[in-house]
PDB file of N, CA and C in Angstrom:
ATOM      1  N   MET A   1       7.047  -1.694  10.272  1.00  0.00           N
ATOM      2  CA  MET A   1       5.756  -1.039  10.351  1.00  0.00           C
ATOM      3  C   MET A   1       5.825   0.349   9.714  1.00  0.00           C
ATOM      4  N   ASP A   2       6.897   1.076   9.977  1.00  0.00           N
ATOM      5  CA  ASP A   2       7.037   2.413   9.405  1.00  0.00           C
ATOM      6  C   ASP A   2       7.153   2.356   7.884  1.00  0.00           C
ATOM      7  N   LEU A   3       7.846   1.335   7.386  1.00  0.00           N
ATOM      8  CA  LEU A   3       7.999   1.192   5.944  1.00  0.00           C
ATOM      9  C   LEU A   3       6.654   0.902   5.284  1.00  0.00           C
ATOM     10  N   VAL A   4       5.841   0.092   5.926  1.00  0.00           N
ATOM     11  CA  VAL A   4       4.517  -0.223   5.388  1.00  0.00           C
ATOM     12  C   VAL A   4       3.655   1.036   5.335  1.00  0.00           C
ATOM     13  N   LEU A   5       3.685   1.838   6.401  1.00  0.00           N
ATOM     14  CA  LEU A   5       2.916   3.079   6.416  1.00  0.00           C
ATOM     15  C   LEU A   5       3.407   4.052   5.347  1.00  0.00           C
ATOM     16  N   LEU A   6       4.711   4.098   5.130  1.00  0.00           N
ATOM     17  CA  LEU A   6       5.270   4.967   4.100  1.00  0.00           C
ATOM     18  C   LEU A   6       4.828   4.523   2.711  1.00  0.00           C
ATOM     19  N   ILE A   7       4.834   3.233   2.461  1.00  0.00           N
ATOM     20  CA  ILE A   7       4.402   2.712   1.162  1.00  0.00           C
ATOM     21  C   ILE A   7       2.923   2.997   0.938  1.00  0.00           C
ATOM     22  N   ILE A   8       2.104   2.796   1.970  1.00  0.00           N
ATOM     23  CA  ILE A   8       0.672   3.088   1.852  1.00  0.00           C
ATOM     24  C   ILE A   8       0.454   4.567   1.577  1.00  0.00           C
ATOM     25  N   LEU A   9       1.202   5.426   2.259  1.00  0.00           N
ATOM     26  CA  LEU A   9       1.087   6.866   2.039  1.00  0.00           C
ATOM     27  C   LEU A   9       1.460   7.240   0.609  1.00  0.00           C
ATOM     28  N   LEU A  10       2.517   6.652   0.077  1.00  0.00           N
ATOM     29  CA  LEU A  10       2.924   6.943  -1.298  1.00  0.00           C
ATOM     30  C   LEU A  10       1.885   6.466  -2.307  1.00  0.00           C
ATOM     31  N   VAL A  11       1.285   5.310  -2.055  1.00  0.00           N
ATOM     32  CA  VAL A  11       0.234   4.813  -2.949  1.00  0.00           C
ATOM     33  C   VAL A  11      -0.979   5.736  -2.913  1.00  0.00           C
ATOM     34  N   LEU A  12      -1.351   6.195  -1.706  1.00  0.00           N
ATOM     35  CA  LEU A  12      -2.481   7.118  -1.590  1.00  0.00           C
ATOM     36  C   LEU A  12      -2.190   8.448  -2.277  1.00  0.00           C
ATOM     37  N   LEU A  13      -0.969   8.947  -2.125  1.00  0.00           N
ATOM     38  CA  LEU A  13      -0.609  10.203  -2.787  1.00  0.00           C
ATOM     39  C   LEU A  13      -0.623  10.061  -4.303  1.00  0.00           C
ATOM     40  N   THR A  14      -0.173   8.917  -4.806  1.00  0.00           N
ATOM     41  CA  THR A  14      -0.196   8.677  -6.244  1.00  0.00           C
ATOM     42  C   THR A  14      -1.627   8.605  -6.754  1.00  0.00           C
ATOM     43  N   GLY A  15      -2.513   8.035  -5.965  1.00  0.00           N
ATOM     44  CA  GLY A  15      -3.908   7.917  -6.377  1.00  0.00           C
ATOM     45  C   GLY A  15      -4.661   9.225  -6.380  1.00  0.00           C
ATOM     46  N   THR A  16      -4.189  10.223  -5.649  1.00  0.00           N
ATOM     47  CA  THR A  16      -4.904  11.498  -5.605  1.00  0.00           C
ATOM     48  C   THR A  16      -4.505  12.448  -6.721  1.00  0.00           C
ATOM     49  N   ILE A  17      -3.462  12.119  -7.463  1.00  0.00           N
ATOM     50  CA  ILE A  17      -3.038  12.980  -8.573  1.00  0.00           C
ATOM     51  C   ILE A  17      -4.012  12.786  -9.738  1.00  0.00           C
ATOM     52  N   PRO A  18      -4.681  13.845 -10.189  1.00  0.00           N
ATOM     53  CA  PRO A  18      -5.662  13.698 -11.280  1.00  0.00           C
ATOM     54  C   PRO A  18      -4.995  13.603 -12.649  1.00  0.00           C
ATOM     55  N   ARG A  19      -4.190  12.583 -12.831  1.00  0.00           N
ATOM     56  CA  ARG A  19      -3.438  12.431 -14.063  1.00  0.00           C
ATOM     57  C   ARG A  19      -4.197  11.581 -15.086  1.00  0.00           C
ATOM     58  N   TRP A  20      -4.964  10.614 -14.612  1.00  0.00           N
ATOM     59  CA  TRP A  20      -5.649   9.698 -15.506  1.00  0.00           C
ATOM     60  C   TRP A  20      -7.027  10.242 -15.856  1.00  0.00           C
ATOM     61  N   ASN A  21      -7.541   9.852 -17.006  1.00  0.00           N
ATOM     62  CA  ASN A  21      -8.816  10.380 -17.494  1.00  0.00           C
ATOM     63  C   ASN A  21      -9.974  10.088 -16.548  1.00  0.00           C
ATOM     64  N   ASP A  22      -9.999   8.920 -15.950  1.00  0.00           N
ATOM     65  CA  ASP A  22     -11.128   8.582 -15.081  1.00  0.00           C
ATOM     66  C   ASP A  22     -11.097   9.335 -13.757  1.00  0.00           C
ATOM     67  N   SER A  23      -9.958   9.885 -13.359  1.00  0.00           N
ATOM     68  CA  SER A  23      -9.879  10.592 -12.080  1.00  0.00           C
ATOM     69  C   SER A  23      -9.856  12.115 -12.235  1.00  0.00           C
ATOM     70  N   ARG A  24      -9.961  12.615 -13.439  1.00  0.00           N
ATOM     71  CA  ARG A  24      -9.929  14.073 -13.633  1.00  0.00           C
ATOM     72  C   ARG A  24     -11.179  14.755 -13.084  1.00  0.00           C
ATOM     73  N   ASN A  25     -12.301  14.074 -13.063  1.00  0.00           N
ATOM     74  CA  ASN A  25     -13.558  14.672 -12.619  1.00  0.00           C
ATOM     75  C   ASN A  25     -13.812  14.481 -11.129  1.00  0.00           C
ATOM     76  N   TRP A  26     -12.890  13.915 -10.397  1.00  0.00           N
ATOM     77  CA  TRP A  26     -13.100  13.659  -8.974  1.00  0.00           C
ATOM     78  C   TRP A  26     -13.004  14.930  -8.147  1.00  0.00           C
ATOM     79  N   GLY A  27     -12.306  15.922  -8.619  1.00  0.00           N
ATOM     80  CA  GLY A  27     -12.161  17.165  -7.869  1.00  0.00           C
ATOM     81  C   GLY A  27     -11.223  17.001  -6.683  1.00  0.00           C
ATOM     82  N   TYR A  28     -11.575  17.654  -5.564  1.00  0.00           N
ATOM     83  CA  TYR A  28     -10.712  17.638  -4.384  1.00  0.00           C
ATOM     84  C   TYR A  28     -11.048  16.507  -3.420  1.00  0.00           C
ATOM     85  N   GLY A  29     -11.960  15.641  -3.760  1.00  0.00           N
ATOM     86  CA  GLY A  29     -12.399  14.570  -2.864  1.00  0.00           C
ATOM     87  C   GLY A  29     -11.284  13.666  -2.365  1.00  0.00           C
ATOM     88  N   PRO A  30     -10.515  13.032  -3.240  1.00  0.00           N
ATOM     89  CA  PRO A  30      -9.467  12.130  -2.764  1.00  0.00           C
ATOM     90  C   PRO A  30      -8.382  12.825  -1.946  1.00  0.00           C
ATOM     91  N   SER A  31      -7.967  14.013  -2.361  1.00  0.00           N
ATOM     92  CA  SER A  31      -6.915  14.689  -1.602  1.00  0.00           C
ATOM     93  C   SER A  31      -7.450  15.188  -0.266  1.00  0.00           C
ATOM     94  N   GLY A  32      -8.718  15.566  -0.210  1.00  0.00           N
ATOM     95  CA  GLY A  32      -9.324  15.966   1.062  1.00  0.00           C
ATOM     96  C   GLY A  32      -9.431  14.800   2.016  1.00  0.00           C
ATOM     97  N   LEU A  33      -9.786  13.627   1.486  1.00  0.00           N
ATOM     98  CA  LEU A  33      -9.862  12.424   2.318  1.00  0.00           C
ATOM     99  C   LEU A  33      -8.483  12.043   2.834  1.00  0.00           C
ATOM    100  N   LEU A  34      -7.475  12.153   1.989  1.00  0.00           N
ATOM    101  CA  LEU A  34      -6.110  11.856   2.415  1.00  0.00           C
ATOM    102  C   LEU A  34      -5.657  12.819   3.500  1.00  0.00           C
ATOM    103  N   THR A  35      -6.029  14.082   3.399  1.00  0.00           N
ATOM    104  CA  THR A  35      -5.682  15.064   4.424  1.00  0.00           C
ATOM    105  C   THR A  35      -6.331  14.715   5.755  1.00  0.00           C
ATOM    106  N   VAL A  36      -7.584  14.295   5.720  1.00  0.00           N
ATOM    107  CA  VAL A  36      -8.278  13.898   6.952  1.00  0.00           C
ATOM    108  C   VAL A  36      -7.595  12.691   7.586  1.00  0.00           C
ATOM    109  N   ILE A  37      -7.187  11.723   6.771  1.00  0.00           N
ATOM    110  CA  ILE A  37      -6.494  10.541   7.293  1.00  0.00           C
ATOM    111  C   ILE A  37      -5.156  10.937   7.913  1.00  0.00           C
ATOM    112  N   LEU A  38      -4.392  11.799   7.247  1.00  0.00           N
ATOM    113  CA  LEU A  38      -3.099  12.229   7.782  1.00  0.00           C
ATOM    114  C   LEU A  38      -3.255  12.997   9.086  1.00  0.00           C
ATOM    115  N   VAL A  39      -4.254  13.863   9.169  1.00  0.00           N
ATOM    116  CA  VAL A  39      -4.483  14.611  10.407  1.00  0.00           C
ATOM    117  C   VAL A  39      -4.874  13.661  11.531  1.00  0.00           C
ATOM    118  N   ALA A  40      -5.715  12.673  11.235  1.00  0.00           N
ATOM    119  CA  ALA A  40      -6.120  11.710  12.259  1.00  0.00           C
ATOM    120  C   ALA A  40      -4.926  10.907  12.763  1.00  0.00           C
ATOM    121  N   VAL A  41      -4.043  10.495  11.856  1.00  0.00           N
ATOM    122  CA  VAL A  41      -2.854   9.740  12.269  1.00  0.00           C
ATOM    123  C   VAL A  41      -1.932  10.613  13.108  1.00  0.00           C
ATOM    124  N   LEU A  42      -1.751  11.865  12.710  1.00  0.00           N
ATOM    125  CA  LEU A  42      -0.900  12.765  13.496  1.00  0.00           C
ATOM    126  C   LEU A  42      -1.483  13.022  14.876  1.00  0.00           C
ATOM    127  N   VAL A  43      -2.802  13.157  14.964  1.00  0.00           N
ATOM    128  CA  VAL A  43      -3.444  13.363  16.264  1.00  0.00           C
ATOM    129  C   VAL A  43      -3.245  12.142  17.153  1.00  0.00           C
ATOM    130  N   LEU A  44      -3.221  10.951  16.586  1.00  0.00           N
ATOM    131  CA  LEU A  44      -2.999   9.742  17.376  1.00  0.00           C
ATOM    132  C   LEU A  44      -1.526   9.533  17.715  1.00  0.00           C
ATOM    133  N   ILE A  45      -0.618  10.002  16.868  1.00  0.00           N
ATOM    134  CA  ILE A  45       0.814   9.809  17.127  1.00  0.00           C
ATOM    135  C   ILE A  45       1.303  10.719  18.251  1.00  0.00           C
ATOM    136  N   PHE A  46       0.915  11.994  18.233  1.00  0.00           N
ATOM    137  CA  PHE A  46       1.475  12.943  19.192  1.00  0.00           C
ATOM    138  C   PHE A  46       1.145  12.622  20.647  1.00  0.00           C
ATOM    139  N   PRO A  47      -0.074  12.237  21.018  1.00  0.00           N
ATOM    140  CA  PRO A  47      -0.302  11.889  22.431  1.00  0.00           C
ATOM    141  C   PRO A  47       0.252  10.515  22.810  1.00  0.00           C
ATOM    142  N   GLY A  48       0.678   9.725  21.839  1.00  0.00           N
ATOM    143  CA  GLY A  48       1.293   8.443  22.152  1.00  0.00           C
ATOM    144  C   GLY A  48       0.386   7.252  21.966  1.00  0.00           C
ATOM    145  N   HIS A  49      -0.769   7.430  21.339  1.00  0.00           N
ATOM    146  CA  HIS A  49      -1.660   6.297  21.098  1.00  0.00           C
ATOM    147  C   HIS A  49      -1.083   5.350  20.057  1.00  0.00           C
ATOM    148  N   ILE A  50      -0.369   5.888  19.083  1.00  0.00           N
ATOM    149  CA  ILE A  50       0.362   5.085  18.107  1.00  0.00           C
ATOM    150  C   ILE A  50       1.839   5.315  18.398  1.00  0.00           C
ATOM    151  N   PRO A  51       2.580   4.264  18.747  1.00  0.00           N
ATOM    152  CA  PRO A  51       3.994   4.471  19.097  1.00  0.00           C
ATOM    153  C   PRO A  51       4.826   4.880  17.884  1.00  0.00           C
ATOM    154  N   ARG A  52       5.739   5.825  18.109  1.00  0.00           N
ATOM    155  CA  ARG A  52       6.673   6.262  17.068  1.00  0.00           C
ATOM    156  C   ARG A  52       7.957   5.469  17.215  1.00  0.00           C
ATOM    157  N   ARG A  53       8.473   4.986  16.085  1.00  0.00           N
ATOM    158  CA  ARG A  53       9.747   4.269  16.103  1.00  0.00           C
ATOM    159  C   ARG A  53      10.669   4.880  15.067  1.00  0.00           C
ATOM    160  N   PHE A  54      11.055   6.122  15.264  1.00  0.00           N
ATOM    161  CA  PHE A  54      11.949   6.788  14.327  1.00  0.00           C
ATOM    162  C   PHE A  54      13.336   6.811  14.888  1.00  0.00           C
TER     163      PHE A  54
END
């Protein structure tokens, strides 16, 4: 499960890099959305709603 989440995170991070011509005009939208998702996951992990297996 942790490996799947790590792979998804890496794919999302790769998608937010404005390297390709079609994504140069997106601005901060994708990286802001990724930040919101990461904060939501961290908020769920710390109280124990999502179990940590590290």
